[in-house]
Amino acid sequence: HSLIVVCIALLAILAHFLTANSQDYLVYQRELISQGQL
């Protein structure tokens, strides 16, 4: 019941502490999605 919830929480926490450049590579960005970064 809890393992997958914990994993999602940890991924969100990890993503929050990534460098700004790394976060820029992951954010939903409409123009970049249209260029194939699905």
Full PDB file with SEQRES, HELIX, SHEET, SSBOND, CRYST1, ORIGX, SCALE, CONECT and MASTER records, all heavy atoms in Angstrom:
SEQRES   1 A   38  HIS SER LEU ILE VAL VAL CYS ILE ALA LEU LEU ALA ILE          
SEQRES   2 A   38  LEU ALA HIS PHE LEU THR ALA ASN SER GLN ASP TYR LEU          
SEQRES   3 A   38  VAL TYR GLN ARG GLU LEU ILE SER GLN GLY GLN LEU              
HELIX    1 AA1 LEU A    3  HIS A   16  1                                  14    
HELIX    2 AA2 ALA A   20  ASP A   24  1                                   5    
HELIX    3 AA3 ARG A   30  SER A   34  1                                   5    
CRYST1    1.000    1.000    1.000  90.00  90.00  90.00 P 1           1          
ORIGX1      1.000000  0.000000  0.000000        0.00000                         
ORIGX2      0.000000  1.000000  0.000000        0.00000                         
ORIGX3      0.000000  0.000000  1.000000        0.00000                         
SCALE1      1.000000  0.000000  0.000000        0.00000                         
SCALE2      0.000000  1.000000  0.000000        0.00000                         
SCALE3      0.000000  0.000000  1.000000        0.00000                         
ATOM      1  N   HIS A   1       0.804  -1.213   0.000  1.00  0.00           N  
ATOM      2  CA  HIS A   1       0.000   0.000   0.000  1.00  0.00           C  
ATOM      3  C   HIS A   1       0.841   1.268   0.000  1.00  0.00           C  
ATOM      4  O   HIS A   1       0.372   2.318  -0.449  1.00  0.00           O  
ATOM      5  CB  HIS A   1      -0.916   0.036   1.225  1.00  0.00           C  
ATOM      6  CG  HIS A   1      -1.842  -1.122   1.340  1.00  0.00           C  
ATOM      7  ND1 HIS A   1      -2.504  -1.652   0.258  1.00  0.00           N  
ATOM      8  CD2 HIS A   1      -2.227  -1.869   2.409  1.00  0.00           C  
ATOM      9  CE1 HIS A   1      -3.261  -2.666   0.648  1.00  0.00           C  
ATOM     10  NE2 HIS A   1      -3.100  -2.817   1.951  1.00  0.00           N  
ATOM     11  N   SER A   2       2.042   1.190   0.521  1.00  0.00           N  
ATOM     12  CA  SER A   2       2.803   2.414   0.782  1.00  0.00           C  
ATOM     13  C   SER A   2       4.083   2.570  -0.028  1.00  0.00           C  
ATOM     14  O   SER A   2       4.562   3.698  -0.206  1.00  0.00           O  
ATOM     15  CB  SER A   2       3.150   2.483   2.274  1.00  0.00           C  
ATOM     16  OG  SER A   2       3.876   1.321   2.675  1.00  0.00           O  
ATOM     17  N   LEU A   3       4.642   1.492  -0.549  1.00  0.00           N  
ATOM     18  CA  LEU A   3       5.955   1.567  -1.194  1.00  0.00           C  
ATOM     19  C   LEU A   3       5.957   2.512  -2.383  1.00  0.00           C  
ATOM     20  O   LEU A   3       6.854   3.358  -2.518  1.00  0.00           O  
ATOM     21  CB  LEU A   3       6.401   0.170  -1.627  1.00  0.00           C  
ATOM     22  CG  LEU A   3       7.757   0.100  -2.344  1.00  0.00           C  
ATOM     23  CD1 LEU A   3       8.866   0.622  -1.427  1.00  0.00           C  
ATOM     24  CD2 LEU A   3       8.060  -1.327  -2.785  1.00  0.00           C  
ATOM     25  N   ILE A   4       4.951   2.416  -3.250  1.00  0.00           N  
ATOM     26  CA  ILE A   4       4.946   3.247  -4.454  1.00  0.00           C  
ATOM     27  C   ILE A   4       4.734   4.711  -4.109  1.00  0.00           C  
ATOM     28  O   ILE A   4       5.307   5.610  -4.739  1.00  0.00           O  
ATOM     29  CB  ILE A   4       3.869   2.748  -5.451  1.00  0.00           C  
ATOM     30  CG1 ILE A   4       3.915   3.562  -6.746  1.00  0.00           C  
ATOM     31  CG2 ILE A   4       2.478   2.802  -4.843  1.00  0.00           C  
ATOM     32  CD1 ILE A   4       5.224   3.426  -7.490  1.00  0.00           C  
ATOM     33  N   VAL A   5       3.957   4.981  -3.054  1.00  0.00           N  
ATOM     34  CA  VAL A   5       3.749   6.364  -2.618  1.00  0.00           C  
ATOM     35  C   VAL A   5       5.059   6.955  -2.101  1.00  0.00           C  
ATOM     36  O   VAL A   5       5.400   8.098  -2.404  1.00  0.00           O  
ATOM     37  CB  VAL A   5       2.658   6.424  -1.535  1.00  0.00           C  
ATOM     38  CG1 VAL A   5       2.475   7.858  -1.042  1.00  0.00           C  
ATOM     39  CG2 VAL A   5       1.343   5.881  -2.068  1.00  0.00           C  
ATOM     40  N   VAL A   6       5.792   6.178  -1.323  1.00  0.00           N  
ATOM     41  CA  VAL A   6       7.088   6.626  -0.813  1.00  0.00           C  
ATOM     42  C   VAL A   6       8.050   6.896  -1.965  1.00  0.00           C  
ATOM     43  O   VAL A   6       8.780   7.898  -1.964  1.00  0.00           O  
ATOM     44  CB  VAL A   6       7.678   5.585   0.152  1.00  0.00           C  
ATOM     45  CG1 VAL A   6       9.109   5.933   0.522  1.00  0.00           C  
ATOM     46  CG2 VAL A   6       6.817   5.466   1.405  1.00  0.00           C  
ATOM     47  N   CYS A   7       8.050   6.040  -2.969  1.00  0.00           N  
ATOM     48  CA  CYS A   7       8.939   6.220  -4.124  1.00  0.00           C  
ATOM     49  C   CYS A   7       8.625   7.513  -4.874  1.00  0.00           C  
ATOM     50  O   CYS A   7       9.537   8.254  -5.279  1.00  0.00           O  
ATOM     51  CB  CYS A   7       8.827   5.031  -5.066  1.00  0.00           C  
ATOM     52  SG  CYS A   7       9.562   3.502  -4.423  1.00  0.00           S  
ATOM     53  N   ILE A   8       7.347   7.797  -5.053  1.00  0.00           N  
ATOM     54  CA  ILE A   8       6.953   9.027  -5.747  1.00  0.00           C  
ATOM     55  C   ILE A   8       7.364  10.247  -4.936  1.00  0.00           C  
ATOM     56  O   ILE A   8       7.877  11.234  -5.480  1.00  0.00           O  
ATOM     57  CB  ILE A   8       5.431   9.017  -6.009  1.00  0.00           C  
ATOM     58  CG1 ILE A   8       5.107   7.993  -7.102  1.00  0.00           C  
ATOM     59  CG2 ILE A   8       4.935  10.408  -6.419  1.00  0.00           C  
ATOM     60  CD1 ILE A   8       3.628   7.730  -7.283  1.00  0.00           C  
ATOM     61  N   ALA A   9       7.156  10.187  -3.626  1.00  0.00           N  
ATOM     62  CA  ALA A   9       7.564  11.297  -2.761  1.00  0.00           C  
ATOM     63  C   ALA A   9       9.072  11.516  -2.841  1.00  0.00           C  
ATOM     64  O   ALA A   9       9.541  12.662  -2.944  1.00  0.00           O  
ATOM     65  CB  ALA A   9       7.137  11.017  -1.327  1.00  0.00           C  
ATOM     66  N   LEU A  10       9.853  10.444  -2.812  1.00  0.00           N  
ATOM     67  CA  LEU A  10      11.306  10.568  -2.883  1.00  0.00           C  
ATOM     68  C   LEU A  10      11.764  11.126  -4.225  1.00  0.00           C  
ATOM     69  O   LEU A  10      12.705  11.929  -4.284  1.00  0.00           O  
ATOM     70  CB  LEU A  10      11.957   9.206  -2.623  1.00  0.00           C  
ATOM     71  CG  LEU A  10      11.842   8.667  -1.198  1.00  0.00           C  
ATOM     72  CD1 LEU A  10      12.442   7.272  -1.096  1.00  0.00           C  
ATOM     73  CD2 LEU A  10      12.532   9.607  -0.208  1.00  0.00           C  
ATOM     74  N   LEU A  11      11.106  10.719  -5.303  1.00  0.00           N  
ATOM     75  CA  LEU A  11      11.449  11.252  -6.618  1.00  0.00           C  
ATOM     76  C   LEU A  11      11.173  12.749  -6.685  1.00  0.00           C  
ATOM     77  O   LEU A  11      11.959  13.513  -7.260  1.00  0.00           O  
ATOM     78  CB  LEU A  11      10.665  10.520  -7.708  1.00  0.00           C  
ATOM     79  CG  LEU A  11      11.140   9.107  -8.052  1.00  0.00           C  
ATOM     80  CD1 LEU A  11      10.163   8.436  -9.015  1.00  0.00           C  
ATOM     81  CD2 LEU A  11      12.539   9.125  -8.652  1.00  0.00           C  
ATOM     82  N   ALA A  12      10.057  13.182  -6.111  1.00  0.00           N  
ATOM     83  CA  ALA A  12       9.722  14.608  -6.108  1.00  0.00           C  
ATOM     84  C   ALA A  12      10.740  15.394  -5.270  1.00  0.00           C  
ATOM     85  O   ALA A  12      11.161  16.490  -5.660  1.00  0.00           O  
ATOM     86  CB  ALA A  12       8.308  14.812  -5.565  1.00  0.00           C  
ATOM     87  N   ILE A  13      11.135  14.834  -4.130  1.00  0.00           N  
ATOM     88  CA  ILE A  13      12.125  15.498  -3.284  1.00  0.00           C  
ATOM     89  C   ILE A  13      13.473  15.568  -3.999  1.00  0.00           C  
ATOM     90  O   ILE A  13      14.152  16.606  -3.995  1.00  0.00           O  
ATOM     91  CB  ILE A  13      12.257  14.765  -1.937  1.00  0.00           C  
ATOM     92  CG1 ILE A  13      10.959  14.902  -1.135  1.00  0.00           C  
ATOM     93  CG2 ILE A  13      13.434  15.301  -1.141  1.00  0.00           C  
ATOM     94  CD1 ILE A  13      10.903  14.013   0.094  1.00  0.00           C  
ATOM     95  N   LEU A  14      13.862  14.462  -4.624  1.00  0.00           N  
ATOM     96  CA  LEU A  14      15.122  14.436  -5.368  1.00  0.00           C  
ATOM     97  C   LEU A  14      15.109  15.460  -6.502  1.00  0.00           C  
ATOM     98  O   LEU A  14      16.082  16.198  -6.693  1.00  0.00           O  
ATOM     99  CB  LEU A  14      15.355  13.037  -5.931  1.00  0.00           C  
ATOM    100  CG  LEU A  14      16.584  12.857  -6.841  1.00  0.00           C  
ATOM    101  CD1 LEU A  14      17.859  13.147  -6.063  1.00  0.00           C  
ATOM    102  CD2 LEU A  14      16.618  11.446  -7.415  1.00  0.00           C  
ATOM    103  N   ALA A  15      14.000  15.513  -7.244  1.00  0.00           N  
ATOM    104  CA  ALA A  15      13.897  16.459  -8.352  1.00  0.00           C  
ATOM    105  C   ALA A  15      14.005  17.901  -7.859  1.00  0.00           C  
ATOM    106  O   ALA A  15      14.564  18.765  -8.549  1.00  0.00           O  
ATOM    107  CB  ALA A  15      12.569  16.252  -9.087  1.00  0.00           C  
ATOM    108  N   HIS A  16      13.486  18.159  -6.650  1.00  0.00           N  
ATOM    109  CA  HIS A  16      13.514  19.520  -6.115  1.00  0.00           C  
ATOM    110  C   HIS A  16      14.946  19.984  -5.840  1.00  0.00           C  
ATOM    111  O   HIS A  16      15.230  21.192  -5.937  1.00  0.00           O  
ATOM    112  CB  HIS A  16      12.693  19.578  -4.826  1.00  0.00           C  
ATOM    113  CG  HIS A  16      12.592  20.948  -4.240  1.00  0.00           C  
ATOM    114  ND1 HIS A  16      11.858  21.954  -4.842  1.00  0.00           N  
ATOM    115  CD2 HIS A  16      13.144  21.492  -3.116  1.00  0.00           C  
ATOM    116  CE1 HIS A  16      11.952  23.055  -4.115  1.00  0.00           C  
ATOM    117  NE2 HIS A  16      12.724  22.802  -3.068  1.00  0.00           N  
ATOM    118  N   PHE A  17      15.830  19.057  -5.522  1.00  0.00           N  
ATOM    119  CA  PHE A  17      17.195  19.425  -5.165  1.00  0.00           C  
ATOM    120  C   PHE A  17      18.179  19.263  -6.326  1.00  0.00           C  
ATOM    121  O   PHE A  17      19.389  19.388  -6.134  1.00  0.00           O  
ATOM    122  CB  PHE A  17      17.661  18.615  -3.953  1.00  0.00           C  
ATOM    123  CG  PHE A  17      16.984  19.037  -2.675  1.00  0.00           C  
ATOM    124  CD1 PHE A  17      15.939  18.297  -2.159  1.00  0.00           C  
ATOM    125  CD2 PHE A  17      17.378  20.193  -2.026  1.00  0.00           C  
ATOM    126  CE1 PHE A  17      15.303  18.693  -0.990  1.00  0.00           C  
ATOM    127  CE2 PHE A  17      16.759  20.595  -0.856  1.00  0.00           C  
ATOM    128  CZ  PHE A  17      15.710  19.854  -0.335  1.00  0.00           C  
ATOM    129  N   LEU A  18      17.660  18.997  -7.510  1.00  0.00           N  
ATOM    130  CA  LEU A  18      18.521  18.989  -8.686  1.00  0.00           C  
ATOM    131  C   LEU A  18      18.976  20.399  -9.015  1.00  0.00           C  
ATOM    132  O   LEU A  18      18.361  21.387  -8.603  1.00  0.00           O  
ATOM    133  CB  LEU A  18      17.760  18.407  -9.887  1.00  0.00           C  
ATOM    134  CG  LEU A  18      17.419  16.919  -9.849  1.00  0.00           C  
ATOM    135  CD1 LEU A  18      16.541  16.556 -11.048  1.00  0.00           C  
ATOM    136  CD2 LEU A  18      18.676  16.056  -9.830  1.00  0.00           C  
ATOM    137  N   THR A  19      20.050  20.513  -9.748  1.00  0.00           N  
ATOM    138  CA  THR A  19      20.504  21.827 -10.190  1.00  0.00           C  
ATOM    139  C   THR A  19      19.473  22.429 -11.142  1.00  0.00           C  
ATOM    140  O   THR A  19      18.655  21.718 -11.744  1.00  0.00           O  
ATOM    141  CB  THR A  19      21.848  21.719 -10.907  1.00  0.00           C  
ATOM    142  OG1 THR A  19      21.681  20.939 -12.105  1.00  0.00           O  
ATOM    143  CG2 THR A  19      22.892  21.077 -10.010  1.00  0.00           C  
ATOM    144  N   ALA A  20      19.509  23.735 -11.276  1.00  0.00           N  
ATOM    145  CA  ALA A  20      18.573  24.434 -12.160  1.00  0.00           C  
ATOM    146  C   ALA A  20      18.688  23.931 -13.598  1.00  0.00           C  
ATOM    147  O   ALA A  20      17.683  23.772 -14.304  1.00  0.00           O  
ATOM    148  CB  ALA A  20      18.819  25.935 -12.099  1.00  0.00           C  
ATOM    149  N   ASN A  21      19.897  23.653 -14.045  1.00  0.00           N  
ATOM    150  CA  ASN A  21      20.098  23.148 -15.408  1.00  0.00           C  
ATOM    151  C   ASN A  21      19.455  21.782 -15.590  1.00  0.00           C  
ATOM    152  O   ASN A  21      18.853  21.497 -16.634  1.00  0.00           O  
ATOM    153  CB  ASN A  21      21.590  23.069 -15.726  1.00  0.00           C  
ATOM    154  CG  ASN A  21      22.215  24.434 -15.919  1.00  0.00           C  
ATOM    155  OD1 ASN A  21      21.521  25.406 -16.238  1.00  0.00           O  
ATOM    156  ND2 ASN A  21      23.524  24.530 -15.733  1.00  0.00           N  
ATOM    157  N   SER A  22      19.564  20.929 -14.577  1.00  0.00           N  
ATOM    158  CA  SER A  22      18.952  19.604 -14.656  1.00  0.00           C  
ATOM    159  C   SER A  22      17.431  19.713 -14.658  1.00  0.00           C  
ATOM    160  O   SER A  22      16.744  19.002 -15.398  1.00  0.00           O  
ATOM    161  CB  SER A  22      19.416  18.741 -13.481  1.00  0.00           C  
ATOM    162  OG  SER A  22      20.811  18.524 -13.533  1.00  0.00           O  
ATOM    163  N   GLN A  23      16.885  20.612 -13.836  1.00  0.00           N  
ATOM    164  CA  GLN A  23      15.444  20.802 -13.792  1.00  0.00           C  
ATOM    165  C   GLN A  23      14.921  21.321 -15.124  1.00  0.00           C  
ATOM    166  O   GLN A  23      13.841  20.928 -15.568  1.00  0.00           O  
ATOM    167  CB  GLN A  23      15.070  21.754 -12.659  1.00  0.00           C  
ATOM    168  CG  GLN A  23      15.266  21.167 -11.270  1.00  0.00           C  
ATOM    169  CD  GLN A  23      14.793  22.101 -10.181  1.00  0.00           C  
ATOM    170  OE1 GLN A  23      14.518  23.278 -10.428  1.00  0.00           O  
ATOM    171  NE2 GLN A  23      14.691  21.591  -8.968  1.00  0.00           N  
ATOM    172  N   ASP A  24      15.688  22.189 -15.752  1.00  0.00           N  
ATOM    173  CA  ASP A  24      15.280  22.714 -17.062  1.00  0.00           C  
ATOM    174  C   ASP A  24      15.142  21.603 -18.096  1.00  0.00           C  
ATOM    175  O   ASP A  24      14.383  21.742 -19.063  1.00  0.00           O  
ATOM    176  CB  ASP A  24      16.299  23.743 -17.561  1.00  0.00           C  
ATOM    177  CG  ASP A  24      16.224  25.048 -16.791  1.00  0.00           C  
ATOM    178  OD1 ASP A  24      15.204  25.286 -16.118  1.00  0.00           O  
ATOM    179  OD2 ASP A  24      17.209  25.824 -16.848  1.00  0.00           O  
ATOM    180  N   TYR A  25      15.842  20.528 -17.900  1.00  0.00           N  
ATOM    181  CA  TYR A  25      15.805  19.402 -18.837  1.00  0.00           C  
ATOM    182  C   TYR A  25      14.575  18.511 -18.597  1.00  0.00           C  
ATOM    183  O   TYR A  25      14.259  17.649 -19.413  1.00  0.00           O  
ATOM    184  CB  TYR A  25      17.086  18.574 -18.686  1.00  0.00           C  
ATOM    185  CG  TYR A  25      17.362  17.609 -19.815  1.00  0.00           C  
ATOM    186  CD1 TYR A  25      17.633  18.065 -21.099  1.00  0.00           C  
ATOM    187  CD2 TYR A  25      17.348  16.237 -19.594  1.00  0.00           C  
ATOM    188  CE1 TYR A  25      17.888  17.181 -22.135  1.00  0.00           C  
ATOM    189  CE2 TYR A  25      17.600  15.344 -20.619  1.00  0.00           C  
ATOM    190  CZ  TYR A  25      17.871  15.822 -21.893  1.00  0.00           C  
ATOM    191  OH  TYR A  25      18.129  14.936 -22.913  1.00  0.00           O  
ATOM    192  N   LEU A  26      13.857  18.742 -17.483  1.00  0.00           N  
ATOM    193  CA  LEU A  26      12.747  17.865 -17.105  1.00  0.00           C  
ATOM    194  C   LEU A  26      11.380  18.549 -17.115  1.00  0.00           C  
ATOM    195  O   LEU A  26      10.353  17.873 -17.219  1.00  0.00           O  
ATOM    196  CB  LEU A  26      12.997  17.295 -15.698  1.00  0.00           C  
ATOM    197  CG  LEU A  26      14.246  16.442 -15.508  1.00  0.00           C  
ATOM    198  CD1 LEU A  26      14.418  16.084 -14.038  1.00  0.00           C  
ATOM    199  CD2 LEU A  26      14.178  15.179 -16.358  1.00  0.00           C  
ATOM    200  N   VAL A  27      11.339  19.854 -16.991  1.00  0.00           N  
ATOM    201  CA  VAL A  27      10.086  20.576 -16.828  1.00  0.00           C  
ATOM    202  C   VAL A  27       9.185  20.414 -18.064  1.00  0.00           C  
ATOM    203  O   VAL A  27       9.677  20.277 -19.189  1.00  0.00           O  
ATOM    204  CB  VAL A  27      10.380  22.070 -16.563  1.00  0.00           C  
ATOM    205  CG1 VAL A  27      11.004  22.725 -17.771  1.00  0.00           C  
ATOM    206  CG2 VAL A  27       9.122  22.817 -16.151  1.00  0.00           C  
ATOM    207  N   TYR A  28       7.855  20.410 -17.832  1.00  0.00           N  
ATOM    208  CA  TYR A  28       6.906  20.479 -18.950  1.00  0.00           C  
ATOM    209  C   TYR A  28       7.101  21.830 -19.628  1.00  0.00           C  
ATOM    210  O   TYR A  28       6.849  22.881 -19.025  1.00  0.00           O  
ATOM    211  CB  TYR A  28       5.466  20.338 -18.433  1.00  0.00           C  
ATOM    212  CG  TYR A  28       4.399  20.586 -19.490  1.00  0.00           C  
ATOM    213  CD1 TYR A  28       3.728  19.520 -20.083  1.00  0.00           C  
ATOM    214  CD2 TYR A  28       4.065  21.885 -19.894  1.00  0.00           C  
ATOM    215  CE1 TYR A  28       2.743  19.750 -21.045  1.00  0.00           C  
ATOM    216  CE2 TYR A  28       3.103  22.114 -20.861  1.00  0.00           C  
ATOM    217  CZ  TYR A  28       2.447  21.057 -21.434  1.00  0.00           C  
ATOM    218  OH  TYR A  28       1.473  21.282 -22.388  1.00  0.00           O  
ATOM    219  N   GLN A  29       7.558  21.782 -20.865  1.00  0.00           N  
ATOM    220  CA  GLN A  29       7.793  22.998 -21.632  1.00  0.00           C  
ATOM    221  C   GLN A  29       7.227  22.772 -23.032  1.00  0.00           C  
ATOM    222  O   GLN A  29       7.727  21.953 -23.793  1.00  0.00           O  
ATOM    223  CB  GLN A  29       9.287  23.309 -21.681  1.00  0.00           C  
ATOM    224  CG  GLN A  29       9.670  24.760 -21.529  1.00  0.00           C  
ATOM    225  CD  GLN A  29       9.308  25.597 -22.743  1.00  0.00           C  
ATOM    226  OE1 GLN A  29       9.034  25.084 -23.826  1.00  0.00           O  
ATOM    227  NE2 GLN A  29       9.291  26.905 -22.568  1.00  0.00           N  
ATOM    228  N   ARG A  30       6.171  23.495 -23.358  1.00  0.00           N  
ATOM    229  CA  ARG A  30       5.381  23.207 -24.555  1.00  0.00           C  
ATOM    230  C   ARG A  30       6.217  23.187 -25.833  1.00  0.00           C  
ATOM    231  O   ARG A  30       6.115  22.251 -26.638  1.00  0.00           O  
ATOM    232  CB  ARG A  30       4.253  24.242 -24.674  1.00  0.00           C  
ATOM    233  CG  ARG A  30       3.350  24.007 -25.874  1.00  0.00           C  
ATOM    234  CD  ARG A  30       2.228  25.018 -25.956  1.00  0.00           C  
ATOM    235  NE  ARG A  30       1.434  24.745 -27.129  1.00  0.00           N  
ATOM    236  CZ  ARG A  30       0.454  23.857 -27.182  1.00  0.00           C  
ATOM    237  NH1 ARG A  30       0.149  23.151 -26.106  1.00  0.00           N  
ATOM    238  NH2 ARG A  30      -0.224  23.649 -28.293  1.00  0.00           N  
ATOM    239  N   GLU A  31       7.042  24.183 -26.019  1.00  0.00           N  
ATOM    240  CA  GLU A  31       7.813  24.270 -27.256  1.00  0.00           C  
ATOM    241  C   GLU A  31       8.770  23.093 -27.398  1.00  0.00           C  
ATOM    242  O   GLU A  31       8.909  22.517 -28.487  1.00  0.00           O  
ATOM    243  CB  GLU A  31       8.586  25.586 -27.291  1.00  0.00           C  
ATOM    244  CG  GLU A  31       9.405  25.767 -28.570  1.00  0.00           C  
ATOM    245  CD  GLU A  31      10.137  27.094 -28.601  1.00  0.00           C  
ATOM    246  OE1 GLU A  31       9.910  27.915 -27.684  1.00  0.00           O  
ATOM    247  OE2 GLU A  31      10.945  27.285 -29.525  1.00  0.00           O  
ATOM    248  N   LEU A  32       9.413  22.712 -26.302  1.00  0.00           N  
ATOM    249  CA  LEU A  32      10.372  21.614 -26.362  1.00  0.00           C  
ATOM    250  C   LEU A  32       9.671  20.267 -26.535  1.00  0.00           C  
ATOM    251  O   LEU A  32      10.210  19.362 -27.182  1.00  0.00           O  
ATOM    252  CB  LEU A  32      11.238  21.616 -25.111  1.00  0.00           C  
ATOM    253  CG  LEU A  32      12.130  22.858 -24.951  1.00  0.00           C  
ATOM    254  CD1 LEU A  32      12.879  22.820 -23.633  1.00  0.00           C  
ATOM    255  CD2 LEU A  32      13.099  22.973 -26.124  1.00  0.00           C  
ATOM    256  N   ILE A  33       8.477  20.128 -25.989  1.00  0.00           N  
ATOM    257  CA  ILE A  33       7.699  18.909 -26.214  1.00  0.00           C  
ATOM    258  C   ILE A  33       7.347  18.788 -27.689  1.00  0.00           C  
ATOM    259  O   ILE A  33       7.425  17.705 -28.279  1.00  0.00           O  
ATOM    260  CB  ILE A  33       6.428  18.907 -25.341  1.00  0.00           C  
ATOM    261  CG1 ILE A  33       6.803  18.727 -23.863  1.00  0.00           C  
ATOM    262  CG2 ILE A  33       5.474  17.790 -25.766  1.00  0.00           C  
ATOM    263  CD1 ILE A  33       5.649  18.915 -22.911  1.00  0.00           C  
ATOM    264  N   SER A  34       6.988  19.914 -28.311  1.00  0.00           N  
ATOM    265  CA  SER A  34       6.654  19.900 -29.737  1.00  0.00           C  
ATOM    266  C   SER A  34       7.858  19.543 -30.591  1.00  0.00           C  
ATOM    267  O   SER A  34       7.704  19.111 -31.736  1.00  0.00           O  
ATOM    268  CB  SER A  34       6.103  21.268 -30.155  1.00  0.00           C  
ATOM    269  OG  SER A  34       7.111  22.266 -30.098  1.00  0.00           O  
ATOM    270  N   GLN A  35       9.062  19.691 -30.017  1.00  0.00           N  
ATOM    271  CA  GLN A  35      10.282  19.327 -30.743  1.00  0.00           C  
ATOM    272  C   GLN A  35      10.691  17.878 -30.497  1.00  0.00           C  
ATOM    273  O   GLN A  35      11.736  17.439 -30.965  1.00  0.00           O  
ATOM    274  CB  GLN A  35      11.417  20.264 -30.315  1.00  0.00           C  
ATOM    275  CG  GLN A  35      11.189  21.710 -30.711  1.00  0.00           C  
ATOM    276  CD  GLN A  35      12.259  22.643 -30.185  1.00  0.00           C  
ATOM    277  OE1 GLN A  35      13.310  22.199 -29.698  1.00  0.00           O  
ATOM    278  NE2 GLN A  35      12.024  23.945 -30.271  1.00  0.00           N  
ATOM    279  N   GLY A  36       9.856  17.143 -29.758  1.00  0.00           N  
ATOM    280  CA  GLY A  36      10.102  15.716 -29.574  1.00  0.00           C  
ATOM    281  C   GLY A  36      10.590  15.295 -28.203  1.00  0.00           C  
ATOM    282  O   GLY A  36      10.839  14.103 -27.984  1.00  0.00           O  
ATOM    283  N   GLN A  37      10.718  16.227 -27.253  1.00  0.00           N  
ATOM    284  CA  GLN A  37      11.179  15.868 -25.916  1.00  0.00           C  
ATOM    285  C   GLN A  37       9.991  15.397 -25.075  1.00  0.00           C  
ATOM    286  O   GLN A  37       9.557  16.049 -24.119  1.00  0.00           O  
ATOM    287  CB  GLN A  37      11.901  17.062 -25.275  1.00  0.00           C  
ATOM    288  CG  GLN A  37      13.148  17.473 -26.042  1.00  0.00           C  
ATOM    289  CD  GLN A  37      13.936  18.580 -25.357  1.00  0.00           C  
ATOM    290  OE1 GLN A  37      13.747  18.862 -24.172  1.00  0.00           O  
ATOM    291  NE2 GLN A  37      14.831  19.215 -26.100  1.00  0.00           N  
ATOM    292  N   LEU A  38       9.498  14.221 -25.422  1.00  0.00           N  
ATOM    293  CA  LEU A  38       8.234  13.733 -24.873  1.00  0.00           C  
ATOM    294  C   LEU A  38       8.330  13.317 -23.410  1.00  0.00           C  
ATOM    295  O   LEU A  38       7.299  13.226 -22.739  1.00  0.00           O  
ATOM    296  CB  LEU A  38       7.732  12.558 -25.717  1.00  0.00           C  
ATOM    297  CG  LEU A  38       7.472  12.858 -27.203  1.00  0.00           C  
ATOM    298  CD1 LEU A  38       6.942  11.611 -27.913  1.00  0.00           C  
ATOM    299  CD2 LEU A  38       6.496  14.021 -27.364  1.00  0.00           C  
TER     300      LEU A  38                                                      
MASTER        0    0    0    3    0    0    0    6  299    1    0    3          
END                                                                             
